[in-house]
Amino acid sequence: MKPETVEMSEQQKRARKSRNIAIGIALALFVIILYVGTWAKFGANLFNRSL
């Protein structure tokens, strides 16, 4: 038995694509902010630690 599916209109497909791009950009900015924040908190001493 084949499940019922809903066919999206072109407008809905464009909206989904735009939303996915926006989520991707927001996620990338979040990662960059975390990286910069970590760098600012630890500074140059981040690499001057004993292993």
N, C-alpha and C. Protein backbone atom coordinates (compact mmCIF):
# COMPACT_ATOMS: atom_id res chain seq x y z
N MET A 1 0.83 -1.17 0.00
CA MET A 1 0.00 0.00 0.00
C MET A 1 0.88 1.25 0.00
N LYS A 2 0.64 2.13 -0.91
CA LYS A 2 1.44 3.35 -1.04
C LYS A 2 0.90 4.44 -0.09
N PRO A 3 1.80 5.03 0.74
CA PRO A 3 1.32 6.07 1.66
C PRO A 3 0.94 7.35 0.89
N GLU A 4 0.00 8.09 1.45
CA GLU A 4 -0.41 9.33 0.82
C GLU A 4 0.66 10.39 1.05
N THR A 5 0.94 11.15 0.03
CA THR A 5 1.91 12.23 0.15
C THR A 5 1.26 13.53 -0.32
N VAL A 6 1.77 14.63 0.17
CA VAL A 6 1.29 15.94 -0.21
C VAL A 6 2.33 16.57 -1.12
N GLU A 7 1.89 17.02 -2.26
CA GLU A 7 2.79 17.67 -3.21
C GLU A 7 2.88 19.15 -2.88
N MET A 8 4.10 19.66 -2.70
CA MET A 8 4.28 21.07 -2.37
C MET A 8 4.25 21.91 -3.63
N SER A 9 3.75 23.14 -3.47
CA SER A 9 3.74 24.07 -4.60
C SER A 9 5.14 24.66 -4.76
N GLU A 10 5.37 25.33 -5.86
CA GLU A 10 6.67 25.95 -6.09
C GLU A 10 6.96 27.02 -5.04
N GLN A 11 5.93 27.75 -4.63
CA GLN A 11 6.10 28.77 -3.60
C GLN A 11 6.53 28.14 -2.28
N GLN A 12 5.95 27.02 -1.93
CA GLN A 12 6.33 26.33 -0.69
C GLN A 12 7.75 25.78 -0.78
N LYS A 13 8.13 25.29 -1.95
CA LYS A 13 9.50 24.77 -2.12
C LYS A 13 10.51 25.90 -1.99
N ARG A 14 10.21 27.07 -2.58
CA ARG A 14 11.11 28.22 -2.45
C ARG A 14 11.21 28.68 -1.00
N ALA A 15 10.06 28.69 -0.30
CA ALA A 15 10.06 29.11 1.10
C ALA A 15 10.90 28.15 1.95
N ARG A 16 10.78 26.84 1.69
CA ARG A 16 11.57 25.86 2.44
C ARG A 16 13.05 26.05 2.16
N LYS A 17 13.42 26.28 0.91
CA LYS A 17 14.82 26.48 0.57
C LYS A 17 15.38 27.73 1.25
N SER A 18 14.60 28.81 1.23
CA SER A 18 15.04 30.05 1.89
C SER A 18 15.21 29.84 3.39
N ARG A 19 14.28 29.11 3.98
CA ARG A 19 14.34 28.83 5.42
C ARG A 19 15.57 27.99 5.74
N ASN A 20 15.86 26.99 4.92
CA ASN A 20 17.04 26.15 5.15
C ASN A 20 18.33 26.96 5.04
N ILE A 21 18.38 27.87 4.08
CA ILE A 21 19.56 28.72 3.93
C ILE A 21 19.72 29.62 5.15
N ALA A 22 18.61 30.19 5.63
CA ALA A 22 18.66 31.05 6.81
C ALA A 22 19.12 30.28 8.04
N ILE A 23 18.64 29.06 8.21
CA ILE A 23 19.06 28.23 9.34
C ILE A 23 20.55 27.90 9.24
N GLY A 24 21.02 27.60 8.03
CA GLY A 24 22.43 27.32 7.83
C GLY A 24 23.32 28.50 8.16
N ILE A 25 22.90 29.68 7.72
CA ILE A 25 23.68 30.89 8.02
C ILE A 25 23.68 31.17 9.52
N ALA A 26 22.52 31.01 10.17
CA ALA A 26 22.45 31.24 11.61
C ALA A 26 23.34 30.25 12.37
N LEU A 27 23.36 29.00 11.93
CA LEU A 27 24.21 28.00 12.59
C LEU A 27 25.69 28.34 12.40
N ALA A 28 26.06 28.75 11.20
CA ALA A 28 27.45 29.12 10.94
C ALA A 28 27.86 30.32 11.80
N LEU A 29 26.99 31.32 11.91
CA LEU A 29 27.29 32.48 12.75
C LEU A 29 27.42 32.09 14.21
N PHE A 30 26.58 31.17 14.66
CA PHE A 30 26.67 30.70 16.05
C PHE A 30 28.02 30.04 16.32
N VAL A 31 28.47 29.22 15.39
CA VAL A 31 29.76 28.54 15.55
C VAL A 31 30.89 29.57 15.56
N ILE A 32 30.82 30.55 14.69
CA ILE A 32 31.85 31.60 14.64
C ILE A 32 31.87 32.40 15.94
N ILE A 33 30.67 32.73 16.46
CA ILE A 33 30.60 33.48 17.72
C ILE A 33 31.20 32.67 18.86
N LEU A 34 30.91 31.37 18.91
CA LEU A 34 31.50 30.53 19.95
C LEU A 34 33.02 30.47 19.82
N TYR A 35 33.52 30.36 18.59
CA TYR A 35 34.96 30.30 18.37
C TYR A 35 35.63 31.59 18.82
N VAL A 36 35.06 32.73 18.40
CA VAL A 36 35.63 34.02 18.77
C VAL A 36 35.54 34.24 20.27
N GLY A 37 34.43 33.84 20.87
CA GLY A 37 34.28 33.99 22.32
C GLY A 37 35.29 33.15 23.08
N THR A 38 35.52 31.94 22.62
CA THR A 38 36.52 31.08 23.26
C THR A 38 37.91 31.68 23.11
N TRP A 39 38.21 32.16 21.93
CA TRP A 39 39.51 32.77 21.68
C TRP A 39 39.71 34.00 22.58
N ALA A 40 38.66 34.81 22.72
CA ALA A 40 38.75 36.02 23.56
C ALA A 40 38.92 35.65 25.03
N LYS A 41 38.25 34.59 25.47
CA LYS A 41 38.32 34.20 26.88
C LYS A 41 39.70 33.65 27.24
N PHE A 42 40.23 32.77 26.41
CA PHE A 42 41.51 32.15 26.72
C PHE A 42 42.69 32.92 26.16
N GLY A 43 42.49 33.69 25.12
CA GLY A 43 43.55 34.51 24.55
C GLY A 43 44.67 33.67 23.98
N ALA A 44 45.84 34.24 23.97
CA ALA A 44 47.01 33.58 23.40
C ALA A 44 47.46 32.40 24.25
N ASN A 45 47.04 32.35 25.49
CA ASN A 45 47.43 31.25 26.38
C ASN A 45 46.78 29.93 26.01
N LEU A 46 45.90 29.95 25.04
CA LEU A 46 45.24 28.73 24.62
C LEU A 46 46.24 27.70 24.12
N PHE A 47 47.32 28.15 23.50
CA PHE A 47 48.31 27.25 22.95
C PHE A 47 49.53 27.09 23.85
N ASN A 48 49.60 27.83 24.94
CA ASN A 48 50.74 27.75 25.87
C ASN A 48 50.37 26.93 27.10
N ARG A 49 49.97 25.70 26.89
CA ARG A 49 49.61 24.84 28.00
C ARG A 49 50.36 23.53 27.89
N SER A 50 50.57 22.90 29.02
CA SER A 50 51.28 21.62 28.99
C SER A 50 50.32 20.52 28.58
N LEU A 51 50.83 19.60 27.82
CA LEU A 51 50.00 18.48 27.38
C LEU A 51 50.28 17.34 28.30
